[in-house]
């Protein structure tokens, strides 16, 4: 498809970023209000170890309302209210990534908002996307007041300061993050050998309970690498942009998707991510 015939976004990336940041701050205000009164929360169980409260729902409703108002030409896919990709690009929204932490008063959770553009979309200054690609990411940690942002071609930022992925080159010198199976246990036989590889061949493995923050912390070099399986696309979409724009790798663990839309992600500095793939791939059951 030529650039002259390629569809363009109905808003600029700068306008979309401003809307996403505003939405993330507004949603975080709702979360923190409930965080001070957790005893009043009504909690529902969607499935085993899959919880939702009115904090999730109200925060998501706030985000969706604002994004529909500010970016009416974009589709919306949200964790609680659903939706499907539409148009040239769609928002992927996780109003509360780390719900279990939130409900147990563990101050490690975030709002995650991403924009994913379809293959063939024309981005400034003239790039035509060859595959579906996350092009904007916002992850906001209200407890530390850390705002991670990135847009395609614009780098990754933390509270206005440029961030870059780790420069670690050897797996044995790396600190990795992961997430244990907690909802879908069908891939345990694949995951556990990977965990063993990571445990025995790195400086250590951390598990803090928020995929969005794991990716954001990988983008700013706190982690040298991160992998997880069985996630949802809204868990990882924003973090993928952050890591890629910070100079790192964030890709589908199975090598099947242009981005980890299926929820199996591996990320980190380029050498560490490659070393992880080299050790993990033999354990995948294709």
C-alpha atoms as a PDB file:
ATOM      1  CA  UNK A   1       0.000   0.000   0.000  1.00  0.00           C
ATOM      2  CA  UNK A   2       1.433   3.384  -0.978  1.00  0.00           C
ATOM      3  CA  UNK A   3       1.663   6.210   1.544  1.00  0.00           C
ATOM      4  CA  UNK A   4      -0.699   8.304  -0.600  1.00  0.00           C
ATOM      5  CA  UNK A   5      -3.480   5.735  -0.182  1.00  0.00           C
ATOM      6  CA  UNK A   6      -2.769   4.737   3.426  1.00  0.00           C
ATOM      7  CA  UNK A   7      -5.272   5.731   6.123  1.00  0.00           C
ATOM      8  CA  UNK A   8      -4.093   8.141   8.816  1.00  0.00           C
ATOM      9  CA  UNK A   9      -5.008   8.490  12.476  1.00  0.00           C
ATOM     10  CA  UNK A  10      -7.985  10.796  13.099  1.00  0.00           C
ATOM     11  CA  UNK A  11      -5.949  12.637  15.758  1.00  0.00           C
ATOM     12  CA  UNK A  12      -2.263  13.364  16.110  1.00  0.00           C
ATOM     13  CA  UNK A  13      -0.201  11.183  18.432  1.00  0.00           C
ATOM     14  CA  UNK A  14       0.400  14.272  20.581  1.00  0.00           C
ATOM     15  CA  UNK A  15      -3.344  14.813  20.958  1.00  0.00           C
ATOM     16  CA  UNK A  16      -3.903  11.144  21.699  1.00  0.00           C
ATOM     17  CA  UNK A  17      -1.115  11.148  24.282  1.00  0.00           C
ATOM     18  CA  UNK A  18      -2.566  14.167  26.056  1.00  0.00           C
ATOM     19  CA  UNK A  19      -5.964  12.472  26.198  1.00  0.00           C
ATOM     20  CA  UNK A  20      -4.477   9.226  27.522  1.00  0.00           C
ATOM     21  CA  UNK A  21      -2.448  10.986  30.229  1.00  0.00           C
ATOM     22  CA  UNK A  22      -5.511  12.953  31.341  1.00  0.00           C
ATOM     23  CA  UNK A  23      -7.566   9.756  31.441  1.00  0.00           C
ATOM     24  CA  UNK A  24      -4.890   7.892  33.418  1.00  0.00           C
ATOM     25  CA  UNK A  25      -4.692  10.625  36.052  1.00  0.00           C
ATOM     26  CA  UNK A  26      -8.477  10.791  36.355  1.00  0.00           C
ATOM     27  CA  UNK A  27      -8.789   7.025  36.731  1.00  0.00           C
ATOM     28  CA  UNK A  28      -5.980   6.940  39.289  1.00  0.00           C
ATOM     29  CA  UNK A  29      -7.863   9.490  41.378  1.00  0.00           C
ATOM     30  CA  UNK A  30     -10.791   7.083  41.554  1.00  0.00           C
ATOM     31  CA  UNK A  31      -8.530   4.161  42.478  1.00  0.00           C
ATOM     32  CA  UNK A  32      -6.774   6.066  45.237  1.00  0.00           C
ATOM     33  CA  UNK A  33     -10.069   7.220  46.682  1.00  0.00           C
ATOM     34  CA  UNK A  34     -11.154   3.600  47.010  1.00  0.00           C
ATOM     35  CA  UNK A  35      -7.687   2.593  48.249  1.00  0.00           C
ATOM     36  CA  UNK A  36      -8.311   4.683  51.362  1.00  0.00           C
ATOM     37  CA  UNK A  37     -11.643   2.933  51.940  1.00  0.00           C
ATOM     38  CA  UNK A  38     -11.102  -0.658  50.845  1.00  0.00           C
ATOM     39  CA  UNK A  39     -13.632  -1.969  53.356  1.00  0.00           C
ATOM     40  CA  UNK A  40     -16.376  -0.384  51.240  1.00  0.00           C
ATOM     41  CA  UNK A  41     -15.354  -2.159  48.034  1.00  0.00           C
ATOM     42  CA  UNK A  42     -17.756  -4.605  46.429  1.00  0.00           C
ATOM     43  CA  UNK A  43     -15.645  -7.391  44.923  1.00  0.00           C
ATOM     44  CA  UNK A  44     -16.829  -9.827  42.261  1.00  0.00           C
ATOM     45  CA  UNK A  45     -15.125 -13.027  41.134  1.00  0.00           C
ATOM     46  CA  UNK A  46     -15.024 -13.349  37.332  1.00  0.00           C
ATOM     47  CA  UNK A  47     -13.131 -16.652  37.493  1.00  0.00           C
ATOM     48  CA  UNK A  48     -10.656 -18.358  39.772  1.00  0.00           C
ATOM     49  CA  UNK A  49      -8.168 -15.712  40.993  1.00  0.00           C
ATOM     50  CA  UNK A  50      -9.712 -13.204  38.580  1.00  0.00           C
ATOM     51  CA  UNK A  51     -11.236 -10.407  40.647  1.00  0.00           C
ATOM     52  CA  UNK A  52     -12.942  -7.128  39.839  1.00  0.00           C
ATOM     53  CA  UNK A  53     -14.334  -4.374  42.023  1.00  0.00           C
ATOM     54  CA  UNK A  54     -16.295  -1.203  41.443  1.00  0.00           C
ATOM     55  CA  UNK A  55     -12.943   0.610  41.588  1.00  0.00           C
ATOM     56  CA  UNK A  56     -11.927  -1.171  38.343  1.00  0.00           C
ATOM     57  CA  UNK A  57     -15.286  -0.500  36.738  1.00  0.00           C
ATOM     58  CA  UNK A  58     -15.538   3.162  37.694  1.00  0.00           C
ATOM     59  CA  UNK A  59     -11.944   3.862  36.689  1.00  0.00           C
ATOM     60  CA  UNK A  60     -12.526   2.194  33.327  1.00  0.00           C
ATOM     61  CA  UNK A  61     -15.780   4.082  32.733  1.00  0.00           C
ATOM     62  CA  UNK A  62     -13.927   7.321  33.400  1.00  0.00           C
ATOM     63  CA  UNK A  63     -11.204   6.444  30.889  1.00  0.00           C
ATOM     64  CA  UNK A  64     -13.633   5.294  28.208  1.00  0.00           C
ATOM     65  CA  UNK A  65     -15.806   8.398  28.533  1.00  0.00           C
ATOM     66  CA  UNK A  66     -12.850  10.746  28.238  1.00  0.00           C
ATOM     67  CA  UNK A  67     -11.246   8.927  25.308  1.00  0.00           C
ATOM     68  CA  UNK A  68     -14.518   8.732  23.398  1.00  0.00           C
ATOM     69  CA  UNK A  69     -14.957  12.456  23.876  1.00  0.00           C
ATOM     70  CA  UNK A  70     -11.395  13.427  22.987  1.00  0.00           C
ATOM     71  CA  UNK A  71     -10.663  10.805  20.284  1.00  0.00           C
ATOM     72  CA  UNK A  72     -14.028   9.846  18.759  1.00  0.00           C
ATOM     73  CA  UNK A  73     -12.544   8.199  15.674  1.00  0.00           C
ATOM     74  CA  UNK A  74     -10.670   5.506  17.567  1.00  0.00           C
ATOM     75  CA  UNK A  75     -11.873   2.071  18.678  1.00  0.00           C
ATOM     76  CA  UNK A  76     -11.876   0.905  22.283  1.00  0.00           C
ATOM     77  CA  UNK A  77     -10.974  -2.466  23.808  1.00  0.00           C
ATOM     78  CA  UNK A  78     -11.259  -2.456  27.600  1.00  0.00           C
ATOM     79  CA  UNK A  79     -10.766  -5.143  30.234  1.00  0.00           C
ATOM     80  CA  UNK A  80     -14.116  -4.869  32.005  1.00  0.00           C
ATOM     81  CA  UNK A  81     -16.492  -3.496  29.368  1.00  0.00           C
ATOM     82  CA  UNK A  82     -15.024  -5.333  26.386  1.00  0.00           C
ATOM     83  CA  UNK A  83     -15.142  -4.026  22.836  1.00  0.00           C
ATOM     84  CA  UNK A  84     -13.353  -4.953  19.638  1.00  0.00           C
ATOM     85  CA  UNK A  85     -10.705  -3.240  17.524  1.00  0.00           C
ATOM     86  CA  UNK A  86     -12.191  -0.911  14.919  1.00  0.00           C
ATOM     87  CA  UNK A  87     -11.012   1.711  12.489  1.00  0.00           C
ATOM     88  CA  UNK A  88      -7.367   2.479  11.881  1.00  0.00           C
ATOM     89  CA  UNK A  89      -6.435   2.269  15.586  1.00  0.00           C
ATOM     90  CA  UNK A  90      -7.928   1.219  18.913  1.00  0.00           C
ATOM     91  CA  UNK A  91      -7.335   1.997  22.552  1.00  0.00           C
ATOM     92  CA  UNK A  92      -6.434  -0.937  24.817  1.00  0.00           C
ATOM     93  CA  UNK A  93      -7.356  -0.090  28.404  1.00  0.00           C
ATOM     94  CA  UNK A  94      -6.522  -1.715  31.724  1.00  0.00           C
ATOM     95  CA  UNK A  95      -7.927   0.583  34.414  1.00  0.00           C
ATOM     96  CA  UNK A  96      -6.243  -1.306  37.239  1.00  0.00           C
ATOM     97  CA  UNK A  97      -3.331  -3.587  36.413  1.00  0.00           C
ATOM     98  CA  UNK A  98      -2.521  -5.358  39.662  1.00  0.00           C
ATOM     99  CA  UNK A  99      -6.053  -5.779  41.023  1.00  0.00           C
ATOM    100  CA  UNK A 100      -5.046  -8.438  43.545  1.00  0.00           C
ATOM    101  CA  UNK A 101      -2.325  -6.161  44.917  1.00  0.00           C
ATOM    102  CA  UNK A 102      -4.839  -3.317  45.130  1.00  0.00           C
ATOM    103  CA  UNK A 103      -7.406  -5.393  46.989  1.00  0.00           C
ATOM    104  CA  UNK A 104      -4.780  -6.606  49.468  1.00  0.00           C
ATOM    105  CA  UNK A 105      -3.440  -3.075  50.106  1.00  0.00           C
ATOM    106  CA  UNK A 106      -0.145  -3.826  48.371  1.00  0.00           C
ATOM    107  CA  UNK A 107       0.851  -0.466  46.834  1.00  0.00           C
ATOM    108  CA  UNK A 108       1.982  -1.789  43.464  1.00  0.00           C
ATOM    109  CA  UNK A 109      -0.544  -1.356  40.672  1.00  0.00           C
ATOM    110  CA  UNK A 110      -1.099   0.954  37.719  1.00  0.00           C
ATOM    111  CA  UNK A 111      -3.397   2.373  35.081  1.00  0.00           C
ATOM    112  CA  UNK A 112      -2.385   1.208  31.591  1.00  0.00           C
ATOM    113  CA  UNK A 113      -3.590   2.769  28.330  1.00  0.00           C
ATOM    114  CA  UNK A 114      -2.257   2.006  24.848  1.00  0.00           C
ATOM    115  CA  UNK A 115      -3.115   2.839  21.263  1.00  0.00           C
ATOM    116  CA  UNK A 116      -2.639   0.053  18.709  1.00  0.00           C
ATOM    117  CA  UNK A 117      -2.665   1.006  15.017  1.00  0.00           C
ATOM    118  CA  UNK A 118      -3.546  -1.402  12.217  1.00  0.00           C
ATOM    119  CA  UNK A 119      -1.202  -2.507   9.478  1.00  0.00           C
ATOM    120  CA  UNK A 120      -1.246  -0.065   6.582  1.00  0.00           C
ATOM    121  CA  UNK A 121      -1.769   3.017   8.757  1.00  0.00           C
ATOM    122  CA  UNK A 122       0.326   6.047   7.853  1.00  0.00           C
ATOM    123  CA  UNK A 123       2.212   7.597  10.759  1.00  0.00           C
ATOM    124  CA  UNK A 124       4.154  10.851  10.600  1.00  0.00           C
ATOM    125  CA  UNK A 125       6.600  11.633   9.127  1.00  0.00           C
ATOM    126  CA  UNK A 126       5.497   9.151   6.473  1.00  0.00           C
ATOM    127  CA  UNK A 127       5.932   5.613   7.817  1.00  0.00           C
ATOM    128  CA  UNK A 128       3.367   3.040   6.724  1.00  0.00           C
ATOM    129  CA  UNK A 129       2.996   0.339   9.351  1.00  0.00           C
ATOM    130  CA  UNK A 130       3.731  -3.123   8.001  1.00  0.00           C
ATOM    131  CA  UNK A 131       1.906  -4.878  10.835  1.00  0.00           C
ATOM    132  CA  UNK A 132      -0.452  -4.114  13.695  1.00  0.00           C
ATOM    133  CA  UNK A 133       1.644  -2.109  16.164  1.00  0.00           C
ATOM    134  CA  UNK A 134       1.219  -0.426  19.551  1.00  0.00           C
ATOM    135  CA  UNK A 135       2.126   3.208  18.829  1.00  0.00           C
ATOM    136  CA  UNK A 136       1.365   4.941  22.129  1.00  0.00           C
ATOM    137  CA  UNK A 137       1.640   3.822  25.727  1.00  0.00           C
ATOM    138  CA  UNK A 138       0.843   5.361  29.109  1.00  0.00           C
ATOM    139  CA  UNK A 139       1.433   3.566  32.404  1.00  0.00           C
ATOM    140  CA  UNK A 140       0.714   5.534  35.569  1.00  0.00           C
ATOM    141  CA  UNK A 141       1.724   4.336  39.039  1.00  0.00           C
ATOM    142  CA  UNK A 142      -0.319   6.459  41.469  1.00  0.00           C
ATOM    143  CA  UNK A 143       1.509   5.261  44.577  1.00  0.00           C
ATOM    144  CA  UNK A 144       4.909   6.487  43.396  1.00  0.00           C
ATOM    145  CA  UNK A 145       3.404   9.194  41.175  1.00  0.00           C
ATOM    146  CA  UNK A 146       5.416   7.839  38.248  1.00  0.00           C
ATOM    147  CA  UNK A 147       4.050   8.525  34.779  1.00  0.00           C
ATOM    148  CA  UNK A 148       5.606   6.459  31.978  1.00  0.00           C
ATOM    149  CA  UNK A 149       4.820   7.629  28.432  1.00  0.00           C
ATOM    150  CA  UNK A 150       5.917   6.763  24.914  1.00  0.00           C
ATOM    151  CA  UNK A 151       4.827   7.345  21.337  1.00  0.00           C
ATOM    152  CA  UNK A 152       6.195   5.744  18.190  1.00  0.00           C
ATOM    153  CA  UNK A 153       9.410   7.461  17.192  1.00  0.00           C
ATOM    154  CA  UNK A 154       9.378   9.790  20.197  1.00  0.00           C
ATOM    155  CA  UNK A 155      11.283   7.818  22.815  1.00  0.00           C
ATOM    156  CA  UNK A 156      10.141   6.706  26.266  1.00  0.00           C
ATOM    157  CA  UNK A 157       9.794   9.015  29.246  1.00  0.00           C
ATOM    158  CA  UNK A 158       9.309   8.915  33.016  1.00  0.00           C
ATOM    159  CA  UNK A 159       7.922  12.112  34.540  1.00  0.00           C
ATOM    160  CA  UNK A 160       9.368  14.086  31.660  1.00  0.00           C
ATOM    161  CA  UNK A 161      12.825  12.515  31.755  1.00  0.00           C
ATOM    162  CA  UNK A 162      14.074  10.270  28.949  1.00  0.00           C
ATOM    163  CA  UNK A 163      14.472   6.615  29.926  1.00  0.00           C
ATOM    164  CA  UNK A 164      16.394   3.793  28.304  1.00  0.00           C
ATOM    165  CA  UNK A 165      16.412   0.053  28.669  1.00  0.00           C
ATOM    166  CA  UNK A 166      19.207  -1.717  30.514  1.00  0.00           C
ATOM    167  CA  UNK A 167      22.641  -1.956  28.954  1.00  0.00           C
ATOM    168  CA  UNK A 168      23.279  -5.351  30.546  1.00  0.00           C
ATOM    169  CA  UNK A 169      24.609  -7.768  27.955  1.00  0.00           C
ATOM    170  CA  UNK A 170      25.020 -11.031  29.889  1.00  0.00           C
ATOM    171  CA  UNK A 171      22.148 -13.067  31.270  1.00  0.00           C
ATOM    172  CA  UNK A 172      24.217 -14.044  34.298  1.00  0.00           C
ATOM    173  CA  UNK A 173      24.376 -10.345  35.285  1.00  0.00           C
ATOM    174  CA  UNK A 174      20.676  -9.718  34.747  1.00  0.00           C
ATOM    175  CA  UNK A 175      17.811  -9.230  37.188  1.00  0.00           C
ATOM    176  CA  UNK A 176      14.615 -10.512  35.606  1.00  0.00           C
ATOM    177  CA  UNK A 177      10.936 -10.034  36.401  1.00  0.00           C
ATOM    178  CA  UNK A 178       8.165 -12.511  35.747  1.00  0.00           C
ATOM    179  CA  UNK A 179       4.609 -13.382  36.643  1.00  0.00           C
ATOM    180  CA  UNK A 180       3.583 -16.810  37.884  1.00  0.00           C
ATOM    181  CA  UNK A 181       0.543 -18.568  36.422  1.00  0.00           C
ATOM    182  CA  UNK A 182      -2.405 -17.520  38.587  1.00  0.00           C
ATOM    183  CA  UNK A 183      -5.540 -17.815  36.470  1.00  0.00           C
ATOM    184  CA  UNK A 184      -4.773 -20.058  33.488  1.00  0.00           C
ATOM    185  CA  UNK A 185      -2.627 -23.037  34.453  1.00  0.00           C
ATOM    186  CA  UNK A 186      -2.609 -24.733  31.049  1.00  0.00           C
ATOM    187  CA  UNK A 187       0.954 -23.573  30.322  1.00  0.00           C
ATOM    188  CA  UNK A 188       2.524 -24.502  33.670  1.00  0.00           C
ATOM    189  CA  UNK A 189       4.572 -27.291  32.099  1.00  0.00           C
ATOM    190  CA  UNK A 190       6.117 -24.750  29.742  1.00  0.00           C
ATOM    191  CA  UNK A 191       6.562 -21.994  32.293  1.00  0.00           C
ATOM    192  CA  UNK A 192       8.215 -23.901  35.137  1.00  0.00           C
ATOM    193  CA  UNK A 193      11.312 -24.985  33.139  1.00  0.00           C
ATOM    194  CA  UNK A 194      11.714 -21.347  32.021  1.00  0.00           C
ATOM    195  CA  UNK A 195      11.558 -20.212  35.635  1.00  0.00           C
ATOM    196  CA  UNK A 196      14.184 -22.794  36.545  1.00  0.00           C
ATOM    197  CA  UNK A 197      16.438 -21.549  33.743  1.00  0.00           C
ATOM    198  CA  UNK A 198      16.036 -17.953  34.917  1.00  0.00           C
ATOM    199  CA  UNK A 199      16.534 -18.808  38.584  1.00  0.00           C
ATOM    200  CA  UNK A 200      19.770 -20.690  37.946  1.00  0.00           C
ATOM    201  CA  UNK A 201      21.333 -18.424  35.327  1.00  0.00           C
ATOM    202  CA  UNK A 202      20.668 -14.843  36.486  1.00  0.00           C
ATOM    203  CA  UNK A 203      21.246 -12.588  39.492  1.00  0.00           C
ATOM    204  CA  UNK A 204      17.653 -13.107  40.529  1.00  0.00           C
ATOM    205  CA  UNK A 205      13.988 -13.146  39.559  1.00  0.00           C
ATOM    206  CA  UNK A 206      11.323 -10.788  40.904  1.00  0.00           C
ATOM    207  CA  UNK A 207       7.526 -11.174  40.893  1.00  0.00           C
ATOM    208  CA  UNK A 208       5.619  -8.047  41.963  1.00  0.00           C
ATOM    209  CA  UNK A 209       2.194  -8.603  40.396  1.00  0.00           C
ATOM    210  CA  UNK A 210       1.673  -5.945  37.716  1.00  0.00           C
ATOM    211  CA  UNK A 211       2.624  -6.687  34.118  1.00  0.00           C
ATOM    212  CA  UNK A 212       2.263  -3.045  33.093  1.00  0.00           C
ATOM    213  CA  UNK A 213       4.754  -1.956  35.749  1.00  0.00           C
ATOM    214  CA  UNK A 214       7.059  -4.884  34.983  1.00  0.00           C
ATOM    215  CA  UNK A 215       7.313  -3.628  31.411  1.00  0.00           C
ATOM    216  CA  UNK A 216       7.644   0.006  32.501  1.00  0.00           C
ATOM    217  CA  UNK A 217      10.436  -0.932  34.900  1.00  0.00           C
ATOM    218  CA  UNK A 218      12.107  -2.880  32.103  1.00  0.00           C
ATOM    219  CA  UNK A 219      11.869   0.212  29.911  1.00  0.00           C
ATOM    220  CA  UNK A 220      13.688   2.348  32.492  1.00  0.00           C
ATOM    221  CA  UNK A 221      16.345  -0.288  33.233  1.00  0.00           C
ATOM    222  CA  UNK A 222      15.271  -1.351  36.720  1.00  0.00           C
ATOM    223  CA  UNK A 223      14.835  -4.824  35.285  1.00  0.00           C
ATOM    224  CA  UNK A 224      17.165  -6.198  32.639  1.00  0.00           C
ATOM    225  CA  UNK A 225      14.435  -8.447  31.291  1.00  0.00           C
ATOM    226  CA  UNK A 226      10.874  -9.612  31.873  1.00  0.00           C
ATOM    227  CA  UNK A 227       8.724 -12.464  30.628  1.00  0.00           C
ATOM    228  CA  UNK A 228       5.271 -13.781  31.370  1.00  0.00           C
ATOM    229  CA  UNK A 229       2.578 -16.002  29.853  1.00  0.00           C
ATOM    230  CA  UNK A 230      -1.203 -16.048  29.872  1.00  0.00           C
ATOM    231  CA  UNK A 231      -1.780 -12.301  29.985  1.00  0.00           C
ATOM    232  CA  UNK A 232      -4.382 -10.199  28.161  1.00  0.00           C
ATOM    233  CA  UNK A 233      -3.514  -7.706  25.397  1.00  0.00           C
ATOM    234  CA  UNK A 234      -4.449  -4.700  27.560  1.00  0.00           C
ATOM    235  CA  UNK A 235      -1.952  -5.904  30.183  1.00  0.00           C
ATOM    236  CA  UNK A 236       1.003  -5.535  27.828  1.00  0.00           C
ATOM    237  CA  UNK A 237       0.136  -3.120  25.000  1.00  0.00           C
ATOM    238  CA  UNK A 238       1.310   0.086  26.697  1.00  0.00           C
ATOM    239  CA  UNK A 239       4.417  -1.523  28.147  1.00  0.00           C
ATOM    240  CA  UNK A 240       5.445  -2.835  24.740  1.00  0.00           C
ATOM    241  CA  UNK A 241       5.631   0.729  23.398  1.00  0.00           C
ATOM    242  CA  UNK A 242       7.619   1.852  26.438  1.00  0.00           C
ATOM    243  CA  UNK A 243      10.222  -0.887  26.110  1.00  0.00           C
ATOM    244  CA  UNK A 244      10.603  -0.553  22.351  1.00  0.00           C
ATOM    245  CA  UNK A 245      10.915   3.230  22.489  1.00  0.00           C
ATOM    246  CA  UNK A 246      13.473   2.864  25.295  1.00  0.00           C
ATOM    247  CA  UNK A 247      15.672   0.843  22.935  1.00  0.00           C
ATOM    248  CA  UNK A 248      14.740  -2.586  24.227  1.00  0.00           C
ATOM    249  CA  UNK A 249      12.939  -5.618  22.827  1.00  0.00           C
ATOM    250  CA  UNK A 250       9.324  -6.494  23.624  1.00  0.00           C
ATOM    251  CA  UNK A 251       7.927  -9.309  21.535  1.00  0.00           C
ATOM    252  CA  UNK A 252       5.724 -12.386  21.415  1.00  0.00           C
ATOM    253  CA  UNK A 253       7.371 -15.218  23.326  1.00  0.00           C
ATOM    254  CA  UNK A 254       6.158 -17.757  20.769  1.00  0.00           C
ATOM    255  CA  UNK A 255       7.237 -15.642  17.801  1.00  0.00           C
ATOM    256  CA  UNK A 256       3.810 -15.761  16.174  1.00  0.00           C
ATOM    257  CA  UNK A 257       2.407 -12.259  16.641  1.00  0.00           C
ATOM    258  CA  UNK A 258       3.740  -8.809  15.664  1.00  0.00           C
ATOM    259  CA  UNK A 259       3.269  -7.797  19.316  1.00  0.00           C
ATOM    260  CA  UNK A 260       2.325  -9.932  22.334  1.00  0.00           C
ATOM    261  CA  UNK A 261      -1.424  -9.647  21.769  1.00  0.00           C
ATOM    262  CA  UNK A 262      -1.829 -13.289  22.849  1.00  0.00           C
ATOM    263  CA  UNK A 263      -0.369 -12.453  26.247  1.00  0.00           C
ATOM    264  CA  UNK A 264       2.977 -14.244  26.024  1.00  0.00           C
ATOM    265  CA  UNK A 265       5.721 -11.656  26.305  1.00  0.00           C
ATOM    266  CA  UNK A 266       9.488 -11.529  26.526  1.00  0.00           C
ATOM    267  CA  UNK A 267      11.310  -8.232  26.858  1.00  0.00           C
ATOM    268  CA  UNK A 268      14.515  -6.575  27.937  1.00  0.00           C
ATOM    269  CA  UNK A 269      17.774  -5.246  26.614  1.00  0.00           C
ATOM    270  CA  UNK A 270      18.464  -6.745  23.208  1.00  0.00           C
ATOM    271  CA  UNK A 271      21.202  -9.150  24.384  1.00  0.00           C
ATOM    272  CA  UNK A 272      19.276 -10.242  27.478  1.00  0.00           C
ATOM    273  CA  UNK A 273      16.017 -10.714  25.565  1.00  0.00           C
ATOM    274  CA  UNK A 274      17.835 -12.848  22.993  1.00  0.00           C
ATOM    275  CA  UNK A 275      19.472 -14.912  25.727  1.00  0.00           C
ATOM    276  CA  UNK A 276      16.085 -15.446  27.349  1.00  0.00           C
ATOM    277  CA  UNK A 277      14.603 -16.569  24.039  1.00  0.00           C
ATOM    278  CA  UNK A 278      17.500 -18.942  23.465  1.00  0.00           C
ATOM    279  CA  UNK A 279      16.910 -20.621  26.832  1.00  0.00           C
ATOM    280  CA  UNK A 280      13.116 -20.463  26.858  1.00  0.00           C
ATOM    281  CA  UNK A 281      12.223 -21.514  23.306  1.00  0.00           C
ATOM    282  CA  UNK A 282      13.201 -25.202  23.769  1.00  0.00           C
ATOM    283  CA  UNK A 283      10.590 -25.450  26.531  1.00  0.00           C
ATOM    284  CA  UNK A 284       7.698 -24.160  24.413  1.00  0.00           C
ATOM    285  CA  UNK A 285       5.185 -26.757  23.281  1.00  0.00           C
ATOM    286  CA  UNK A 286       4.162 -25.592  19.841  1.00  0.00           C
END
